[in-house]
Amino acid sequence: MAVDWIGFGYAALVTSGGLIGYAKAGSVPSLAAGLLFGSLAGLGAYQLSQNPSNVWISLITSGTLTAVMGTRFYNSGKFMPAGLIAGVSLLMVGRLALKMVEKPHEK
């Protein structure tokens, strides 16, 4: 089984964003959201590593972050952190959508 390194990296990025938001601004909501969504992204990456067609938790997590952080980026115009997370989340949604449509490999 191949490990979903991209998914685990995404989970680490989301988690570290929450930790940095808390460290810089003392934002408890950033910490809570970063830990929650980072954990969900990590769980999704683990499931994807176990079964390459099990994309749902990763897809829902990255889709939610795309919408929420995309809205924050649109309203604030600030790339960091909202634009960065929205962009990376959108790339994850695209990657997972491709995984959904590609045919499973014969073993």
PDB file of N, CA and C in Angstrom:
ATOM      1  N   MET A   1       0.832  -1.183   0.000  1.00  0.00           N
ATOM      2  CA  MET A   1       0.000   0.000   0.000  1.00  0.00           C
ATOM      3  C   MET A   1       0.882   1.254   0.000  1.00  0.00           C
ATOM      4  N   ALA A   2       0.497   2.196  -0.810  1.00  0.00           N
ATOM      5  CA  ALA A   2       1.235   3.459  -0.895  1.00  0.00           C
ATOM      6  C   ALA A   2       0.713   4.428   0.162  1.00  0.00           C
ATOM      7  N   VAL A   3       1.633   5.079   0.833  1.00  0.00           N
ATOM      8  CA  VAL A   3       1.265   6.070   1.846  1.00  0.00           C
ATOM      9  C   VAL A   3       0.929   7.380   1.136  1.00  0.00           C
ATOM     10  N   ASP A   4      -0.150   8.020   1.567  1.00  0.00           N
ATOM     11  CA  ASP A   4      -0.578   9.290   0.977  1.00  0.00           C
ATOM     12  C   ASP A   4       0.212  10.440   1.606  1.00  0.00           C
ATOM     13  N   TRP A   5       1.463  10.604   1.162  1.00  0.00           N
ATOM     14  CA  TRP A   5       2.340  11.633   1.724  1.00  0.00           C
ATOM     15  C   TRP A   5       1.794  13.032   1.476  1.00  0.00           C
ATOM     16  N   ILE A   6       1.172  13.242   0.330  1.00  0.00           N
ATOM     17  CA  ILE A   6       0.601  14.564   0.034  1.00  0.00           C
ATOM     18  C   ILE A   6      -0.526  14.884   1.023  1.00  0.00           C
ATOM     19  N   GLY A   7      -1.356  13.900   1.299  1.00  0.00           N
ATOM     20  CA  GLY A   7      -2.452  14.089   2.254  1.00  0.00           C
ATOM     21  C   GLY A   7      -1.953  14.358   3.664  1.00  0.00           C
ATOM     22  N   PHE A   8      -0.906  13.628   4.082  1.00  0.00           N
ATOM     23  CA  PHE A   8      -0.348  13.866   5.408  1.00  0.00           C
ATOM     24  C   PHE A   8       0.342  15.232   5.477  1.00  0.00           C
ATOM     25  N   GLY A   9       0.977  15.653   4.396  1.00  0.00           N
ATOM     26  CA  GLY A   9       1.581  16.984   4.353  1.00  0.00           C
ATOM     27  C   GLY A   9       0.536  18.076   4.443  1.00  0.00           C
ATOM     28  N   TYR A  10      -0.581  17.865   3.753  1.00  0.00           N
ATOM     29  CA  TYR A  10      -1.699  18.813   3.826  1.00  0.00           C
ATOM     30  C   TYR A  10      -2.236  18.896   5.253  1.00  0.00           C
ATOM     31  N   ALA A  11      -2.385  17.747   5.905  1.00  0.00           N
ATOM     32  CA  ALA A  11      -2.859  17.724   7.291  1.00  0.00           C
ATOM     33  C   ALA A  11      -1.898  18.483   8.206  1.00  0.00           C
ATOM     34  N   ALA A  12      -0.604  18.301   7.983  1.00  0.00           N
ATOM     35  CA  ALA A  12       0.399  19.009   8.793  1.00  0.00           C
ATOM     36  C   ALA A  12       0.339  20.511   8.550  1.00  0.00           C
ATOM     37  N   LEU A  13       0.120  20.912   7.299  1.00  0.00           N
ATOM     38  CA  LEU A  13       0.012  22.338   6.973  1.00  0.00           C
ATOM     39  C   LEU A  13      -1.189  22.968   7.670  1.00  0.00           C
ATOM     40  N   VAL A  14      -2.323  22.302   7.629  1.00  0.00           N
ATOM     41  CA  VAL A  14      -3.536  22.831   8.259  1.00  0.00           C
ATOM     42  C   VAL A  14      -3.351  22.920   9.776  1.00  0.00           C
ATOM     43  N   THR A  15      -2.796  21.876  10.368  1.00  0.00           N
ATOM     44  CA  THR A  15      -2.567  21.878  11.810  1.00  0.00           C
ATOM     45  C   THR A  15      -1.586  22.969  12.214  1.00  0.00           C
ATOM     46  N   SER A  16      -0.497  23.085  11.470  1.00  0.00           N
ATOM     47  CA  SER A  16       0.497  24.108  11.813  1.00  0.00           C
ATOM     48  C   SER A  16      -0.073  25.512  11.637  1.00  0.00           C
ATOM     49  N   GLY A  17      -0.972  25.702  10.690  1.00  0.00           N
ATOM     50  CA  GLY A  17      -1.629  27.001  10.538  1.00  0.00           C
ATOM     51  C   GLY A  17      -2.432  27.376  11.765  1.00  0.00           C
ATOM     52  N   GLY A  18      -3.138  26.418  12.340  1.00  0.00           N
ATOM     53  CA  GLY A  18      -3.876  26.682  13.573  1.00  0.00           C
ATOM     54  C   GLY A  18      -2.964  26.984  14.737  1.00  0.00           C
ATOM     55  N   LEU A  19      -1.852  26.243  14.825  1.00  0.00           N
ATOM     56  CA  LEU A  19      -0.886  26.480  15.900  1.00  0.00           C
ATOM     57  C   LEU A  19      -0.222  27.844  15.772  1.00  0.00           C
ATOM     58  N   ILE A  20       0.119  28.231  14.553  1.00  0.00           N
ATOM     59  CA  ILE A  20       0.743  29.539  14.327  1.00  0.00           C
ATOM     60  C   ILE A  20      -0.240  30.664  14.630  1.00  0.00           C
ATOM     61  N   GLY A  21      -1.506  30.481  14.225  1.00  0.00           N
ATOM     62  CA  GLY A  21      -2.528  31.482  14.537  1.00  0.00           C
ATOM     63  C   GLY A  21      -2.689  31.686  16.034  1.00  0.00           C
ATOM     64  N   TYR A  22      -2.592  30.595  16.772  1.00  0.00           N
ATOM     65  CA  TYR A  22      -2.688  30.703  18.231  1.00  0.00           C
ATOM     66  C   TYR A  22      -1.436  31.363  18.809  1.00  0.00           C
ATOM     67  N   ALA A  23      -0.259  30.976  18.319  1.00  0.00           N
ATOM     68  CA  ALA A  23       0.994  31.515  18.856  1.00  0.00           C
ATOM     69  C   ALA A  23       1.147  33.000  18.556  1.00  0.00           C
ATOM     70  N   LYS A  24       0.754  33.434  17.364  1.00  0.00           N
ATOM     71  CA  LYS A  24       0.937  34.837  16.976  1.00  0.00           C
ATOM     72  C   LYS A  24      -0.133  35.755  17.556  1.00  0.00           C
ATOM     73  N   ALA A  25      -1.381  35.315  17.498  1.00  0.00           N
ATOM     74  CA  ALA A  25      -2.480  36.210  17.868  1.00  0.00           C
ATOM     75  C   ALA A  25      -3.243  35.751  19.107  1.00  0.00           C
ATOM     76  N   GLY A  26      -2.883  34.591  19.649  1.00  0.00           N
ATOM     77  CA  GLY A  26      -3.626  34.081  20.786  1.00  0.00           C
ATOM     78  C   GLY A  26      -5.029  33.646  20.425  1.00  0.00           C
ATOM     79  N   SER A  27      -5.231  33.272  19.158  1.00  0.00           N
ATOM     80  CA  SER A  27      -6.559  32.934  18.653  1.00  0.00           C
ATOM     81  C   SER A  27      -6.909  31.476  18.970  1.00  0.00           C
ATOM     82  N   VAL A  28      -7.766  31.299  19.966  1.00  0.00           N
ATOM     83  CA  VAL A  28      -8.212  29.959  20.325  1.00  0.00           C
ATOM     84  C   VAL A  28      -9.060  29.340  19.211  1.00  0.00           C
ATOM     85  N   PRO A  29      -9.935  30.110  18.514  1.00  0.00           N
ATOM     86  CA  PRO A  29     -10.671  29.517  17.397  1.00  0.00           C
ATOM     87  C   PRO A  29      -9.740  28.995  16.287  1.00  0.00           C
ATOM     88  N   SER A  30      -8.648  29.706  16.015  1.00  0.00           N
ATOM     89  CA  SER A  30      -7.687  29.219  15.019  1.00  0.00           C
ATOM     90  C   SER A  30      -7.062  27.911  15.470  1.00  0.00           C
ATOM     91  N   LEU A  31      -6.716  27.829  16.725  1.00  0.00           N
ATOM     92  CA  LEU A  31      -6.129  26.616  17.271  1.00  0.00           C
ATOM     93  C   LEU A  31      -7.111  25.450  17.170  1.00  0.00           C
ATOM     94  N   ALA A  32      -8.351  25.687  17.591  1.00  0.00           N
ATOM     95  CA  ALA A  32      -9.364  24.631  17.568  1.00  0.00           C
ATOM     96  C   ALA A  32      -9.649  24.169  16.140  1.00  0.00           C
ATOM     97  N   ALA A  33      -9.817  25.131  15.229  1.00  0.00           N
ATOM     98  CA  ALA A  33     -10.102  24.769  13.835  1.00  0.00           C
ATOM     99  C   ALA A  33      -8.910  24.061  13.204  1.00  0.00           C
ATOM    100  N   GLY A  34      -7.705  24.541  13.474  1.00  0.00           N
ATOM    101  CA  GLY A  34      -6.520  23.908  12.918  1.00  0.00           C
ATOM    102  C   GLY A  34      -6.361  22.479  13.394  1.00  0.00           C
ATOM    103  N   LEU A  35      -6.586  22.253  14.693  1.00  0.00           N
ATOM    104  CA  LEU A  35      -6.467  20.896  15.229  1.00  0.00           C
ATOM    105  C   LEU A  35      -7.581  19.991  14.713  1.00  0.00           C
ATOM    106  N   LEU A  36      -8.806  20.519  14.648  1.00  0.00           N
ATOM    107  CA  LEU A  36      -9.931  19.720  14.165  1.00  0.00           C
ATOM    108  C   LEU A  36      -9.743  19.340  12.696  1.00  0.00           C
ATOM    109  N   PHE A  37      -9.547  20.344  11.845  1.00  0.00           N
ATOM    110  CA  PHE A  37      -9.441  20.058  10.412  1.00  0.00           C
ATOM    111  C   PHE A  37      -8.138  19.334  10.069  1.00  0.00           C
ATOM    112  N   GLY A  38      -7.062  19.622  10.811  1.00  0.00           N
ATOM    113  CA  GLY A  38      -5.821  18.897  10.594  1.00  0.00           C
ATOM    114  C   GLY A  38      -5.967  17.428  10.947  1.00  0.00           C
ATOM    115  N   SER A  39      -6.673  17.154  12.044  1.00  0.00           N
ATOM    116  CA  SER A  39      -6.921  15.769  12.440  1.00  0.00           C
ATOM    117  C   SER A  39      -7.790  15.044  11.418  1.00  0.00           C
ATOM    118  N   LEU A  40      -8.826  15.729  10.950  1.00  0.00           N
ATOM    119  CA  LEU A  40      -9.688  15.114   9.927  1.00  0.00           C
ATOM    120  C   LEU A  40      -8.922  14.860   8.630  1.00  0.00           C
ATOM    121  N   ALA A  41      -8.068  15.807   8.249  1.00  0.00           N
ATOM    122  CA  ALA A  41      -7.265  15.610   7.037  1.00  0.00           C
ATOM    123  C   ALA A  41      -6.282  14.458   7.230  1.00  0.00           C
ATOM    124  N   GLY A  42      -5.711  14.332   8.432  1.00  0.00           N
ATOM    125  CA  GLY A  42      -4.819  13.218   8.723  1.00  0.00           C
ATOM    126  C   GLY A  42      -5.554  11.888   8.680  1.00  0.00           C
ATOM    127  N   LEU A  43      -6.762  11.849   9.237  1.00  0.00           N
ATOM    128  CA  LEU A  43      -7.582  10.637   9.184  1.00  0.00           C
ATOM    129  C   LEU A  43      -7.907  10.278   7.733  1.00  0.00           C
ATOM    130  N   GLY A  44      -8.248  11.300   6.941  1.00  0.00           N
ATOM    131  CA  GLY A  44      -8.541  11.054   5.534  1.00  0.00           C
ATOM    132  C   GLY A  44      -7.326  10.531   4.782  1.00  0.00           C
ATOM    133  N   ALA A  45      -6.140  11.071   5.086  1.00  0.00           N
ATOM    134  CA  ALA A  45      -4.914  10.595   4.440  1.00  0.00           C
ATOM    135  C   ALA A  45      -4.620   9.158   4.844  1.00  0.00           C
ATOM    136  N   TYR A  46      -4.867   8.826   6.106  1.00  0.00           N
ATOM    137  CA  TYR A  46      -4.673   7.448   6.572  1.00  0.00           C
ATOM    138  C   TYR A  46      -5.629   6.511   5.829  1.00  0.00           C
ATOM    139  N   GLN A  47      -6.903   6.899   5.728  1.00  0.00           N
ATOM    140  CA  GLN A  47      -7.869   6.054   5.028  1.00  0.00           C
ATOM    141  C   GLN A  47      -7.511   5.907   3.551  1.00  0.00           C
ATOM    142  N   LEU A  48      -7.040   6.978   2.954  1.00  0.00           N
ATOM    143  CA  LEU A  48      -6.638   6.932   1.555  1.00  0.00           C
ATOM    144  C   LEU A  48      -5.420   6.032   1.369  1.00  0.00           C
ATOM    145  N   SER A  49      -4.539   5.993   2.362  1.00  0.00           N
ATOM    146  CA  SER A  49      -3.378   5.110   2.307  1.00  0.00           C
ATOM    147  C   SER A  49      -3.806   3.643   2.397  1.00  0.00           C
ATOM    148  N   GLN A  50      -4.848   3.372   3.162  1.00  0.00           N
ATOM    149  CA  GLN A  50      -5.333   2.003   3.317  1.00  0.00           C
ATOM    150  C   GLN A  50      -6.153   1.532   2.122  1.00  0.00           C
ATOM    151  N   ASN A  51      -6.952   2.446   1.575  1.00  0.00           N
ATOM    152  CA  ASN A  51      -7.828   2.114   0.451  1.00  0.00           C
ATOM    153  C   ASN A  51      -7.891   3.326  -0.473  1.00  0.00           C
ATOM    154  N   PRO A  52      -7.214   3.280  -1.632  1.00  0.00           N
ATOM    155  CA  PRO A  52      -7.132   4.454  -2.513  1.00  0.00           C
ATOM    156  C   PRO A  52      -8.469   4.989  -3.028  1.00  0.00           C
ATOM    157  N   SER A  53      -9.539   4.212  -2.897  1.00  0.00           N
ATOM    158  CA  SER A  53     -10.834   4.726  -3.360  1.00  0.00           C
ATOM    159  C   SER A  53     -11.652   5.353  -2.226  1.00  0.00           C
ATOM    160  N   ASN A  54     -11.135   5.368  -1.000  1.00  0.00           N
ATOM    161  CA  ASN A  54     -11.842   5.916   0.146  1.00  0.00           C
ATOM    162  C   ASN A  54     -11.445   7.383   0.343  1.00  0.00           C
ATOM    163  N   VAL A  55     -12.041   8.255  -0.454  1.00  0.00           N
ATOM    164  CA  VAL A  55     -11.632   9.660  -0.488  1.00  0.00           C
ATOM    165  C   VAL A  55     -12.561  10.590   0.287  1.00  0.00           C
ATOM    166  N   TRP A  56     -13.643  10.078   0.873  1.00  0.00           N
ATOM    167  CA  TRP A  56     -14.715  10.943   1.333  1.00  0.00           C
ATOM    168  C   TRP A  56     -14.340  11.874   2.468  1.00  0.00           C
ATOM    169  N   ILE A  57     -13.653  11.405   3.494  1.00  0.00           N
ATOM    170  CA  ILE A  57     -13.302  12.302   4.608  1.00  0.00           C
ATOM    171  C   ILE A  57     -12.344  13.385   4.115  1.00  0.00           C
ATOM    172  N   SER A  58     -11.361  12.983   3.313  1.00  0.00           N
ATOM    173  CA  SER A  58     -10.426  13.972   2.764  1.00  0.00           C
ATOM    174  C   SER A  58     -11.148  14.985   1.886  1.00  0.00           C
ATOM    175  N   LEU A  59     -12.071  14.510   1.070  1.00  0.00           N
ATOM    176  CA  LEU A  59     -12.789  15.389   0.157  1.00  0.00           C
ATOM    177  C   LEU A  59     -13.684  16.373   0.912  1.00  0.00           C
ATOM    178  N   ILE A  60     -14.396  15.899   1.909  1.00  0.00           N
ATOM    179  CA  ILE A  60     -15.275  16.779   2.688  1.00  0.00           C
ATOM    180  C   ILE A  60     -14.457  17.802   3.470  1.00  0.00           C
ATOM    181  N   THR A  61     -13.339  17.355   4.058  1.00  0.00           N
ATOM    182  CA  THR A  61     -12.490  18.260   4.829  1.00  0.00           C
ATOM    183  C   THR A  61     -11.893  19.348   3.947  1.00  0.00           C
ATOM    184  N   SER A  62     -11.282  18.947   2.830  1.00  0.00           N
ATOM    185  CA  SER A  62     -10.654  19.943   1.958  1.00  0.00           C
ATOM    186  C   SER A  62     -11.700  20.820   1.268  1.00  0.00           C
ATOM    187  N   GLY A  63     -12.862  20.275   0.960  1.00  0.00           N
ATOM    188  CA  GLY A  63     -13.931  21.079   0.364  1.00  0.00           C
ATOM    189  C   GLY A  63     -14.461  22.124   1.330  1.00  0.00           C
ATOM    190  N   THR A  64     -14.622  21.733   2.588  1.00  0.00           N
ATOM    191  CA  THR A  64     -15.074  22.678   3.604  1.00  0.00           C
ATOM    192  C   THR A  64     -14.053  23.790   3.803  1.00  0.00           C
ATOM    193  N   LEU A  65     -12.772  23.410   3.881  1.00  0.00           N
ATOM    194  CA  LEU A  65     -11.734  24.430   4.049  1.00  0.00           C
ATOM    195  C   LEU A  65     -11.631  25.342   2.824  1.00  0.00           C
ATOM    196  N   THR A  66     -11.846  24.795   1.644  1.00  0.00           N
ATOM    197  CA  THR A  66     -11.841  25.630   0.436  1.00  0.00           C
ATOM    198  C   THR A  66     -12.924  26.698   0.530  1.00  0.00           C
ATOM    199  N   ALA A  67     -14.123  26.288   0.921  1.00  0.00           N
ATOM    200  CA  ALA A  67     -15.238  27.232   1.009  1.00  0.00           C
ATOM    201  C   ALA A  67     -15.033  28.267   2.116  1.00  0.00           C
ATOM    202  N   VAL A  68     -14.679  27.797   3.310  1.00  0.00           N
ATOM    203  CA  VAL A  68     -14.560  28.703   4.451  1.00  0.00           C
ATOM    204  C   VAL A  68     -13.390  29.671   4.259  1.00  0.00           C
ATOM    205  N   MET A  69     -12.221  29.132   3.943  1.00  0.00           N
ATOM    206  CA  MET A  69     -11.045  29.992   3.811  1.00  0.00           C
ATOM    207  C   MET A  69     -11.103  30.811   2.519  1.00  0.00           C
ATOM    208  N   GLY A  70     -11.743  30.290   1.499  1.00  0.00           N
ATOM    209  CA  GLY A  70     -11.934  31.071   0.275  1.00  0.00           C
ATOM    210  C   GLY A  70     -12.799  32.289   0.521  1.00  0.00           C
ATOM    211  N   THR A  71     -13.839  32.118   1.318  1.00  0.00           N
ATOM    212  CA  THR A  71     -14.703  33.240   1.688  1.00  0.00           C
ATOM    213  C   THR A  71     -13.938  34.265   2.518  1.00  0.00           C
ATOM    214  N   ARG A  72     -13.130  33.780   3.470  1.00  0.00           N
ATOM    215  CA  ARG A  72     -12.328  34.697   4.292  1.00  0.00           C
ATOM    216  C   ARG A  72     -11.317  35.456   3.432  1.00  0.00           C
ATOM    217  N   PHE A  73     -10.714  34.767   2.463  1.00  0.00           N
ATOM    218  CA  PHE A  73      -9.759  35.420   1.568  1.00  0.00           C
ATOM    219  C   PHE A  73     -10.458  36.465   0.701  1.00  0.00           C
ATOM    220  N   TYR A  74     -11.623  36.121   0.189  1.00  0.00           N
ATOM    221  CA  TYR A  74     -12.385  37.049  -0.646  1.00  0.00           C
ATOM    222  C   TYR A  74     -12.761  38.308   0.135  1.00  0.00           C
ATOM    223  N   ASN A  75     -13.181  38.130   1.382  1.00  0.00           N
ATOM    224  CA  ASN A  75     -13.603  39.268   2.197  1.00  0.00           C
ATOM    225  C   ASN A  75     -12.443  40.117   2.703  1.00  0.00           C
ATOM    226  N   SER A  76     -11.316  39.484   3.020  1.00  0.00           N
ATOM    227  CA  SER A  76     -10.194  40.232   3.600  1.00  0.00           C
ATOM    228  C   SER A  76      -9.159  40.653   2.562  1.00  0.00           C
ATOM    229  N   GLY A  77      -9.009  39.879   1.496  1.00  0.00           N
ATOM    230  CA  GLY A  77      -7.981  40.156   0.493  1.00  0.00           C
ATOM    231  C   GLY A  77      -6.577  39.788   0.954  1.00  0.00           C
ATOM    232  N   LYS A  78      -6.451  39.185   2.135  1.00  0.00           N
ATOM    233  CA  LYS A  78      -5.146  38.814   2.673  1.00  0.00           C
ATOM    234  C   LYS A  78      -4.809  37.377   2.275  1.00  0.00           C
ATOM    235  N   PHE A  79      -3.644  37.213   1.654  1.00  0.00           N
ATOM    236  CA  PHE A  79      -3.251  35.883   1.208  1.00  0.00           C
ATOM    237  C   PHE A  79      -2.922  34.965   2.384  1.00  0.00           C
ATOM    238  N   MET A  80      -2.283  35.533   3.399  1.00  0.00           N
ATOM    239  CA  MET A  80      -1.899  34.706   4.554  1.00  0.00           C
ATOM    240  C   MET A  80      -2.884  34.925   5.692  1.00  0.00           C
ATOM    241  N   PRO A  81      -3.441  33.917   6.253  1.00  0.00           N
ATOM    242  CA  PRO A  81      -3.339  32.509   5.923  1.00  0.00           C
ATOM    243  C   PRO A  81      -4.479  32.014   5.042  1.00  0.00           C
ATOM    244  N   ALA A  82      -5.547  32.830   4.933  1.00  0.00           N
ATOM    245  CA  ALA A  82      -6.767  32.359   4.277  1.00  0.00           C
ATOM    246  C   ALA A  82      -6.546  31.984   2.819  1.00  0.00           C
ATOM    247  N   GLY A  83      -5.846  32.810   2.058  1.00  0.00           N
ATOM    248  CA  GLY A  83      -5.624  32.524   0.643  1.00  0.00           C
ATOM    249  C   GLY A  83      -4.782  31.287   0.424  1.00  0.00           C
ATOM    250  N   LEU A  84      -3.766  31.116   1.258  1.00  0.00           N
ATOM    251  CA  LEU A  84      -2.898  29.948   1.140  1.00  0.00           C
ATOM    252  C   LEU A  84      -3.672  28.665   1.404  1.00  0.00           C
ATOM    253  N   ILE A  85      -4.401  28.616   2.493  1.00  0.00           N
ATOM    254  CA  ILE A  85      -5.150  27.409   2.843  1.00  0.00           C
ATOM    255  C   ILE A  85      -6.256  27.161   1.824  1.00  0.00           C
ATOM    256  N   ALA A  86      -6.914  28.210   1.355  1.00  0.00           N
ATOM    257  CA  ALA A  86      -7.959  28.039   0.332  1.00  0.00           C
ATOM    258  C   ALA A  86      -7.369  27.465  -0.953  1.00  0.00           C
ATOM    259  N   GLY A  87      -6.218  27.980  -1.367  1.00  0.00           N
ATOM    260  CA  GLY A  87      -5.591  27.492  -2.598  1.00  0.00           C
ATOM    261  C   GLY A  87      -5.124  26.058  -2.487  1.00  0.00           C
ATOM    262  N   VAL A  88      -4.464  25.733  -1.390  1.00  0.00           N
ATOM    263  CA  VAL A  88      -3.980  24.358  -1.199  1.00  0.00           C
ATOM    264  C   VAL A  88      -5.165  23.403  -1.053  1.00  0.00           C
ATOM    265  N   SER A  89      -6.217  23.843  -0.374  1.00  0.00           N
ATOM    266  CA  SER A  89      -7.410  23.005  -0.225  1.00  0.00           C
ATOM    267  C   SER A  89      -8.088  22.770  -1.568  1.00  0.00           C
ATOM    268  N   LEU A  90      -8.117  23.793  -2.406  1.00  0.00           N
ATOM    269  CA  LEU A  90      -8.695  23.633  -3.740  1.00  0.00           C
ATOM    270  C   LEU A  90      -7.886  22.637  -4.571  1.00  0.00           C
ATOM    271  N   LEU A  91      -6.571  22.690  -4.446  1.00  0.00           N
ATOM    272  CA  LEU A  91      -5.734  21.701  -5.133  1.00  0.00           C
ATOM    273  C   LEU A  91      -6.014  20.292  -4.616  1.00  0.00           C
ATOM    274  N   MET A  92      -6.231  20.156  -3.320  1.00  0.00           N
ATOM    275  CA  MET A  92      -6.564  18.840  -2.758  1.00  0.00           C
ATOM    276  C   MET A  92      -7.912  18.345  -3.279  1.00  0.00           C
ATOM    277  N   VAL A  93      -8.883  19.236  -3.392  1.00  0.00           N
ATOM    278  CA  VAL A  93     -10.188  18.841  -3.937  1.00  0.00           C
ATOM    279  C   VAL A  93     -10.008  18.324  -5.368  1.00  0.00           C
ATOM    280  N   GLY A  94      -9.229  19.027  -6.170  1.00  0.00           N
ATOM    281  CA  GLY A  94      -8.969  18.580  -7.539  1.00  0.00           C
ATOM    282  C   GLY A  94      -8.266  17.247  -7.574  1.00  0.00           C
ATOM    283  N   ARG A  95      -7.261  17.066  -6.726  1.00  0.00           N
ATOM    284  CA  ARG A  95      -6.524  15.798  -6.672  1.00  0.00           C
ATOM    285  C   ARG A  95      -7.458  14.653  -6.297  1.00  0.00           C
ATOM    286  N   LEU A  96      -8.311  14.882  -5.309  1.00  0.00           N
ATOM    287  CA  LEU A  96      -9.232  13.835  -4.866  1.00  0.00           C
ATOM    288  C   LEU A  96     -10.306  13.556  -5.907  1.00  0.00           C
ATOM    289  N   ALA A  97     -10.744  14.582  -6.618  1.00  0.00           N
ATOM    290  CA  ALA A  97     -11.714  14.374  -7.695  1.00  0.00           C
ATOM    291  C   ALA A  97     -11.110  13.502  -8.789  1.00  0.00           C
ATOM    292  N   LEU A  98      -9.838  13.720  -9.102  1.00  0.00           N
ATOM    293  CA  LEU A  98      -9.168  12.863 -10.089  1.00  0.00           C
ATOM    294  C   LEU A  98      -9.065  11.431  -9.594  1.00  0.00           C
ATOM    295  N   LYS A  99      -8.808  11.238  -8.317  1.00  0.00           N
ATOM    296  CA  LYS A  99      -8.755   9.891  -7.754  1.00  0.00           C
ATOM    297  C   LYS A  99     -10.111   9.197  -7.862  1.00  0.00           C
ATOM    298  N   MET A 100     -11.176   9.965  -7.762  1.00  0.00           N
ATOM    299  CA  MET A 100     -12.504   9.378  -7.842  1.00  0.00           C
ATOM    300  C   MET A 100     -12.834   8.898  -9.244  1.00  0.00           C
ATOM    301  N   VAL A 101     -12.336   9.592 -10.266  1.00  0.00           N
ATOM    302  CA  VAL A 101     -12.708   9.213 -11.627  1.00  0.00           C
ATOM    303  C   VAL A 101     -11.732   8.247 -12.280  1.00  0.00           C
ATOM    304  N   GLU A 102     -10.520   8.118 -11.719  1.00  0.00           N
ATOM    305  CA  GLU A 102      -9.589   7.197 -12.346  1.00  0.00           C
ATOM    306  C   GLU A 102      -9.986   5.763 -12.001  1.00  0.00           C
ATOM    307  N   LYS A 103      -9.739   4.882 -12.948  1.00  0.00           N
ATOM    308  CA  LYS A 103     -10.124   3.491 -12.762  1.00  0.00           C
ATOM    309  C   LYS A 103      -9.152   2.813 -11.797  1.00  0.00           C
ATOM    310  N   PRO A 104      -9.677   1.889 -10.975  1.00  0.00           N
ATOM    311  CA  PRO A 104      -8.771   1.172 -10.083  1.00  0.00           C
ATOM    312  C   PRO A 104      -7.825   0.276 -10.878  1.00  0.00           C
ATOM    313  N   HIS A 105      -6.616   0.154 -10.379  1.00  0.00           N
ATOM    314  CA  HIS A 105      -5.617  -0.659 -11.060  1.00  0.00           C
ATOM    315  C   HIS A 105      -5.837  -2.134 -10.752  1.00  0.00           C
ATOM    316  N   GLU A 106      -5.647  -2.947 -11.763  1.00  0.00           N
ATOM    317  CA  GLU A 106      -5.752  -4.396 -11.575  1.00  0.00           C
ATOM    318  C   GLU A 106      -4.539  -4.891 -10.817  1.00  0.00           C
ATOM    319  N   LYS A 107      -4.745  -5.857  -9.927  1.00  0.00           N
ATOM    320  CA  LYS A 107      -3.616  -6.408  -9.171  1.00  0.00           C
ATOM    321  C   LYS A 107      -3.297  -7.792  -9.648  1.00  0.00           C
TER     322      LYS A 107
END
